[in-house]
């Protein structure tokens, strides 16, 4: 069923996975909370009135 002896990670082969997991658990939620727009930014941004066809037409001249 289960062994009575426990093998520790003596060579440290799982240490990079541990560091990666801890840093991901901190970095991903923090970056999401810092980069998501607030409610006011969505309303202030609005839409652009520039027609891109007009912009391309001026560069073709």
PDB file of N, CA and C in Angstrom:
ATOM      1  N   UNK A   1       0.832  -1.175   0.000  1.00  0.00           N
ATOM      2  CA  UNK A   1       0.000   0.000   0.000  1.00  0.00           C
ATOM      3  C   UNK A   1       0.882   1.246   0.000  1.00  0.00           C
ATOM      4  N   UNK A   2       1.386   1.643   1.146  1.00  0.00           N
ATOM      5  CA  UNK A   2       2.287   2.787   1.181  1.00  0.00           C
ATOM      6  C   UNK A   2       3.560   2.398   1.912  1.00  0.00           C
ATOM      7  N   UNK A   3       4.613   3.017   1.499  1.00  0.00           N
ATOM      8  CA  UNK A   3       5.918   2.707   2.077  1.00  0.00           C
ATOM      9  C   UNK A   3       6.110   3.474   3.378  1.00  0.00           C
ATOM     10  N   UNK A   4       6.865   2.884   4.292  1.00  0.00           N
ATOM     11  CA  UNK A   4       7.115   3.554   5.572  1.00  0.00           C
ATOM     12  C   UNK A   4       8.294   4.502   5.499  1.00  0.00           C
ATOM     13  N   UNK A   5       9.176   4.331   4.505  1.00  0.00           N
ATOM     14  CA  UNK A   5      10.309   5.256   4.387  1.00  0.00           C
ATOM     15  C   UNK A   5       9.956   6.357   3.393  1.00  0.00           C
ATOM     16  N   UNK A   6      10.382   7.551   3.704  1.00  0.00           N
ATOM     17  CA  UNK A   6      10.067   8.725   2.895  1.00  0.00           C
ATOM     18  C   UNK A   6      11.355   9.221   2.274  1.00  0.00           C
ATOM     19  N   UNK A   7      11.350   9.452   0.974  1.00  0.00           N
ATOM     20  CA  UNK A   7      12.534   9.939   0.270  1.00  0.00           C
ATOM     21  C   UNK A   7      12.420  11.446   0.096  1.00  0.00           C
ATOM     22  N   UNK A   8      13.322  12.166   0.722  1.00  0.00           N
ATOM     23  CA  UNK A   8      13.353  13.611   0.594  1.00  0.00           C
ATOM     24  C   UNK A   8      14.042  13.998  -0.707  1.00  0.00           C
ATOM     25  N   UNK A   9      13.858  15.225  -1.101  1.00  0.00           N
ATOM     26  CA  UNK A   9      14.478  15.748  -2.318  1.00  0.00           C
ATOM     27  C   UNK A   9      15.889  16.221  -1.975  1.00  0.00           C
ATOM     28  N   UNK A  10      16.807  15.275  -1.830  1.00  0.00           N
ATOM     29  CA  UNK A  10      18.157  15.604  -1.374  1.00  0.00           C
ATOM     30  C   UNK A  10      18.962  16.348  -2.427  1.00  0.00           C
ATOM     31  N   UNK A  11      18.739  16.071  -3.697  1.00  0.00           N
ATOM     32  CA  UNK A  11      19.495  16.747  -4.752  1.00  0.00           C
ATOM     33  C   UNK A  11      18.891  18.106  -5.109  1.00  0.00           C
ATOM     34  N   UNK A  12      17.733  18.390  -4.621  1.00  0.00           N
ATOM     35  CA  UNK A  12      17.088  19.669  -4.917  1.00  0.00           C
ATOM     36  C   UNK A  12      16.544  19.748  -6.326  1.00  0.00           C
ATOM     37  N   UNK A  13      16.140  18.633  -6.886  1.00  0.00           N
ATOM     38  CA  UNK A  13      15.670  18.642  -8.263  1.00  0.00           C
ATOM     39  C   UNK A  13      14.294  19.287  -8.409  1.00  0.00           C
ATOM     40  N   UNK A  14      13.515  19.349  -7.345  1.00  0.00           N
ATOM     41  CA  UNK A  14      12.194  19.969  -7.424  1.00  0.00           C
ATOM     42  C   UNK A  14      12.189  21.409  -6.925  1.00  0.00           C
ATOM     43  N   UNK A  15      13.330  21.913  -6.506  1.00  0.00           N
ATOM     44  CA  UNK A  15      13.412  23.292  -6.015  1.00  0.00           C
ATOM     45  C   UNK A  15      13.021  24.316  -7.085  1.00  0.00           C
ATOM     46  N   UNK A  16      13.480  24.190  -8.343  1.00  0.00           N
ATOM     47  CA  UNK A  16      13.035  25.162  -9.363  1.00  0.00           C
ATOM     48  C   UNK A  16      11.521  25.159  -9.572  1.00  0.00           C
ATOM     49  N   UNK A  17      10.892  23.999  -9.501  1.00  0.00           N
ATOM     50  CA  UNK A  17       9.434  23.947  -9.639  1.00  0.00           C
ATOM     51  C   UNK A  17       8.747  24.640  -8.465  1.00  0.00           C
ATOM     52  N   UNK A  18       9.315  24.494  -7.290  1.00  0.00           N
ATOM     53  CA  UNK A  18       8.772  25.158  -6.107  1.00  0.00           C
ATOM     54  C   UNK A  18       8.863  26.675  -6.257  1.00  0.00           C
ATOM     55  N   UNK A  19      10.025  27.163  -6.675  1.00  0.00           N
ATOM     56  CA  UNK A  19      10.215  28.608  -6.862  1.00  0.00           C
ATOM     57  C   UNK A  19       9.294  29.126  -7.967  1.00  0.00           C
ATOM     58  N   UNK A  20       9.185  28.393  -9.060  1.00  0.00           N
ATOM     59  CA  UNK A  20       8.310  28.814 -10.152  1.00  0.00           C
ATOM     60  C   UNK A  20       6.855  28.885  -9.701  1.00  0.00           C
ATOM     61  N   UNK A  21       6.410  27.905  -8.948  1.00  0.00           N
ATOM     62  CA  UNK A  21       5.025  27.879  -8.480  1.00  0.00           C
ATOM     63  C   UNK A  21       4.737  29.035  -7.539  1.00  0.00           C
ATOM     64  N   UNK A  22       5.629  29.284  -6.599  1.00  0.00           N
ATOM     65  CA  UNK A  22       5.428  30.388  -5.654  1.00  0.00           C
ATOM     66  C   UNK A  22       5.440  31.727  -6.384  1.00  0.00           C
ATOM     67  N   UNK A  23       6.389  31.913  -7.305  1.00  0.00           N
ATOM     68  CA  UNK A  23       6.443  33.184  -8.031  1.00  0.00           C
ATOM     69  C   UNK A  23       5.228  33.357  -8.937  1.00  0.00           C
ATOM     70  N   UNK A  24       4.720  32.278  -9.523  1.00  0.00           N
ATOM     71  CA  UNK A  24       3.525  32.380 -10.358  1.00  0.00           C
ATOM     72  C   UNK A  24       2.293  32.705  -9.525  1.00  0.00           C
ATOM     73  N   UNK A  25       2.207  32.131  -8.331  1.00  0.00           N
ATOM     74  CA  UNK A  25       1.066  32.419  -7.460  1.00  0.00           C
ATOM     75  C   UNK A  25       1.051  33.876  -7.010  1.00  0.00           C
ATOM     76  N   UNK A  26       2.200  34.515  -6.986  1.00  0.00           N
ATOM     77  CA  UNK A  26       2.271  35.925  -6.612  1.00  0.00           C
ATOM     78  C   UNK A  26       2.150  36.813  -7.845  1.00  0.00           C
ATOM     79  N   UNK A  27       2.854  36.464  -8.919  1.00  0.00           N
ATOM     80  CA  UNK A  27       2.955  37.335 -10.083  1.00  0.00           C
ATOM     81  C   UNK A  27       1.664  37.410 -10.894  1.00  0.00           C
ATOM     82  N   UNK A  28       1.023  36.299 -11.152  1.00  0.00           N
ATOM     83  CA  UNK A  28      -0.153  36.313 -12.021  1.00  0.00           C
ATOM     84  C   UNK A  28      -1.316  37.128 -11.455  1.00  0.00           C
ATOM     85  N   UNK A  29      -1.732  36.928 -10.215  1.00  0.00           N
ATOM     86  CA  UNK A  29      -2.818  37.775  -9.704  1.00  0.00           C
ATOM     87  C   UNK A  29      -2.416  39.247  -9.571  1.00  0.00           C
ATOM     88  N   UNK A  30      -1.161  39.492  -9.217  1.00  0.00           N
ATOM     89  CA  UNK A  30      -0.709  40.873  -9.077  1.00  0.00           C
ATOM     90  C   UNK A  30      -0.703  41.579 -10.422  1.00  0.00           C
ATOM     91  N   UNK A  31      -0.192  40.930 -11.461  1.00  0.00           N
ATOM     92  CA  UNK A  31      -0.171  41.561 -12.777  1.00  0.00           C
ATOM     93  C   UNK A  31      -1.583  41.755 -13.317  1.00  0.00           C
ATOM     94  N   UNK A  32      -2.478  40.827 -13.045  1.00  0.00           N
ATOM     95  CA  UNK A  32      -3.862  41.002 -13.488  1.00  0.00           C
ATOM     96  C   UNK A  32      -4.503  42.202 -12.805  1.00  0.00           C
ATOM     97  N   UNK A  33      -4.289  42.332 -11.511  1.00  0.00           N
ATOM     98  CA  UNK A  33      -4.915  43.444 -10.796  1.00  0.00           C
ATOM     99  C   UNK A  33      -4.304  44.782 -11.189  1.00  0.00           C
ATOM    100  N   UNK A  34      -3.043  44.798 -11.577  1.00  0.00           N
ATOM    101  CA  UNK A  34      -2.419  46.053 -11.987  1.00  0.00           C
ATOM    102  C   UNK A  34      -2.758  46.431 -13.426  1.00  0.00           C
ATOM    103  N   UNK A  35      -2.998  45.463 -14.290  1.00  0.00           N
ATOM    104  CA  UNK A  35      -3.209  45.749 -15.704  1.00  0.00           C
ATOM    105  C   UNK A  35      -4.670  45.845 -16.114  1.00  0.00           C
ATOM    106  N   UNK A  36      -5.588  45.358 -15.310  1.00  0.00           N
ATOM    107  CA  UNK A  36      -6.994  45.431 -15.715  1.00  0.00           C
ATOM    108  C   UNK A  36      -7.475  46.877 -15.614  1.00  0.00           C
ATOM    109  N   UNK A  37      -8.278  47.310 -16.580  1.00  0.00           N
ATOM    110  CA  UNK A  37      -8.770  48.684 -16.540  1.00  0.00           C
ATOM    111  C   UNK A  37      -9.811  48.858 -15.444  1.00  0.00           C
ATOM    112  N   UNK A  38      -9.825  50.038 -14.875  1.00  0.00           N
ATOM    113  CA  UNK A  38     -10.850  50.339 -13.888  1.00  0.00           C
ATOM    114  C   UNK A  38     -12.151  50.667 -14.617  1.00  0.00           C
ATOM    115  N   UNK A  39     -13.221  50.796 -13.890  1.00  0.00           N
ATOM    116  CA  UNK A  39     -14.519  51.053 -14.514  1.00  0.00           C
ATOM    117  C   UNK A  39     -14.536  52.384 -15.256  1.00  0.00           C
ATOM    118  N   UNK A  40     -13.907  53.400 -14.716  1.00  0.00           N
ATOM    119  CA  UNK A  40     -13.908  54.711 -15.347  1.00  0.00           C
ATOM    120  C   UNK A  40     -13.107  54.758 -16.630  1.00  0.00           C
ATOM    121  N   UNK A  41     -12.066  53.968 -16.745  1.00  0.00           N
ATOM    122  CA  UNK A  41     -11.237  53.984 -17.945  1.00  0.00           C
ATOM    123  C   UNK A  41     -11.988  53.439 -19.150  1.00  0.00           C
ATOM    124  N   UNK A  42     -12.853  52.490 -18.954  1.00  0.00           N
ATOM    125  CA  UNK A  42     -13.627  51.940 -20.065  1.00  0.00           C
ATOM    126  C   UNK A  42     -14.545  53.012 -20.648  1.00  0.00           C
ATOM    127  N   UNK A  43     -15.151  53.814 -19.801  1.00  0.00           N
ATOM    128  CA  UNK A  43     -16.092  54.825 -20.270  1.00  0.00           C
ATOM    129  C   UNK A  43     -15.375  56.023 -20.872  1.00  0.00           C
ATOM    130  N   UNK A  44     -14.207  56.377 -20.342  1.00  0.00           N
ATOM    131  CA  UNK A  44     -13.486  57.531 -20.852  1.00  0.00           C
ATOM    132  C   UNK A  44     -12.842  57.269 -22.200  1.00  0.00           C
ATOM    133  N   UNK A  45     -12.459  56.026 -22.475  1.00  0.00           N
ATOM    134  CA  UNK A  45     -11.711  55.731 -23.689  1.00  0.00           C
ATOM    135  C   UNK A  45     -12.546  56.010 -24.933  1.00  0.00           C
ATOM    136  N   UNK A  46     -13.760  55.551 -24.983  1.00  0.00           N
ATOM    137  CA  UNK A  46     -14.623  55.816 -26.118  1.00  0.00           C
ATOM    138  C   UNK A  46     -14.094  55.193 -27.394  1.00  0.00           C
ATOM    139  N   UNK A  47     -14.670  55.597 -28.495  1.00  0.00           N
ATOM    140  CA  UNK A  47     -14.252  55.100 -29.793  1.00  0.00           C
ATOM    141  C   UNK A  47     -13.578  56.214 -30.565  1.00  0.00           C
ATOM    142  N   UNK A  48     -12.698  55.838 -31.454  1.00  0.00           N
ATOM    143  CA  UNK A  48     -11.988  56.807 -32.273  1.00  0.00           C
ATOM    144  C   UNK A  48     -12.886  57.261 -33.416  1.00  0.00           C
ATOM    145  N   UNK A  49     -12.799  58.546 -33.751  1.00  0.00           N
ATOM    146  CA  UNK A  49     -13.580  59.093 -34.854  1.00  0.00           C
ATOM    147  C   UNK A  49     -12.824  59.015 -36.174  1.00  0.00           C
ATOM    148  N   UNK A  50     -11.621  58.484 -36.157  1.00  0.00           N
ATOM    149  CA  UNK A  50     -10.789  58.426 -37.349  1.00  0.00           C
ATOM    150  C   UNK A  50     -11.204  57.234 -38.199  1.00  0.00           C
ATOM    151  N   UNK A  51     -11.428  57.495 -39.478  1.00  0.00           N
ATOM    152  CA  UNK A  51     -11.705  56.414 -40.423  1.00  0.00           C
ATOM    153  C   UNK A  51     -10.366  55.976 -41.006  1.00  0.00           C
ATOM    154  N   UNK A  52     -10.030  54.730 -40.832  1.00  0.00           N
ATOM    155  CA  UNK A  52      -8.715  54.269 -41.258  1.00  0.00           C
ATOM    156  C   UNK A  52      -8.563  54.273 -42.775  1.00  0.00           C
ATOM    157  N   UNK A  53      -9.655  54.216 -43.495  1.00  0.00           N
ATOM    158  CA  UNK A  53      -9.574  54.311 -44.951  1.00  0.00           C
ATOM    159  C   UNK A  53      -9.042  55.681 -45.348  1.00  0.00           C
ATOM    160  N   UNK A  54      -9.448  56.733 -44.634  1.00  0.00           N
ATOM    161  CA  UNK A  54      -8.948  58.073 -44.920  1.00  0.00           C
ATOM    162  C   UNK A  54      -7.464  58.187 -44.597  1.00  0.00           C
ATOM    163  N   UNK A  55      -7.036  57.561 -43.541  1.00  0.00           N
ATOM    164  CA  UNK A  55      -5.623  57.604 -43.163  1.00  0.00           C
ATOM    165  C   UNK A  55      -4.778  56.919 -44.224  1.00  0.00           C
ATOM    166  N   UNK A  56      -5.205  55.764 -44.702  1.00  0.00           N
ATOM    167  CA  UNK A  56      -4.451  55.054 -45.732  1.00  0.00           C
ATOM    168  C   UNK A  56      -4.461  55.827 -47.047  1.00  0.00           C
ATOM    169  N   UNK A  57      -5.558  56.509 -47.339  1.00  0.00           N
ATOM    170  CA  UNK A  57      -5.649  57.271 -48.580  1.00  0.00           C
ATOM    171  C   UNK A  57      -4.669  58.433 -48.577  1.00  0.00           C
ATOM    172  N   UNK A  58      -4.447  59.068 -47.443  1.00  0.00           N
ATOM    173  CA  UNK A  58      -3.500  60.179 -47.391  1.00  0.00           C
ATOM    174  C   UNK A  58      -2.067  59.693 -47.567  1.00  0.00           C
ATOM    175  N   UNK A  59      -1.755  58.493 -47.136  1.00  0.00           N
ATOM    176  CA  UNK A  59      -0.399  57.973 -47.302  1.00  0.00           C
ATOM    177  C   UNK A  59      -0.140  57.465 -48.714  1.00  0.00           C
ATOM    178  N   UNK A  60      -1.195  57.130 -49.454  1.00  0.00           N
ATOM    179  CA  UNK A  60      -1.021  56.650 -50.823  1.00  0.00           C
ATOM    180  C   UNK A  60      -0.725  57.789 -51.784  1.00  0.00           C
ATOM    181  N   UNK A  61      -1.074  59.011 -51.419  1.00  0.00           N
ATOM    182  CA  UNK A  61      -0.877  60.165 -52.316  1.00  0.00           C
ATOM    183  C   UNK A  61       0.569  60.477 -52.507  1.00  0.00           C
TER     184      UNK A  61
END
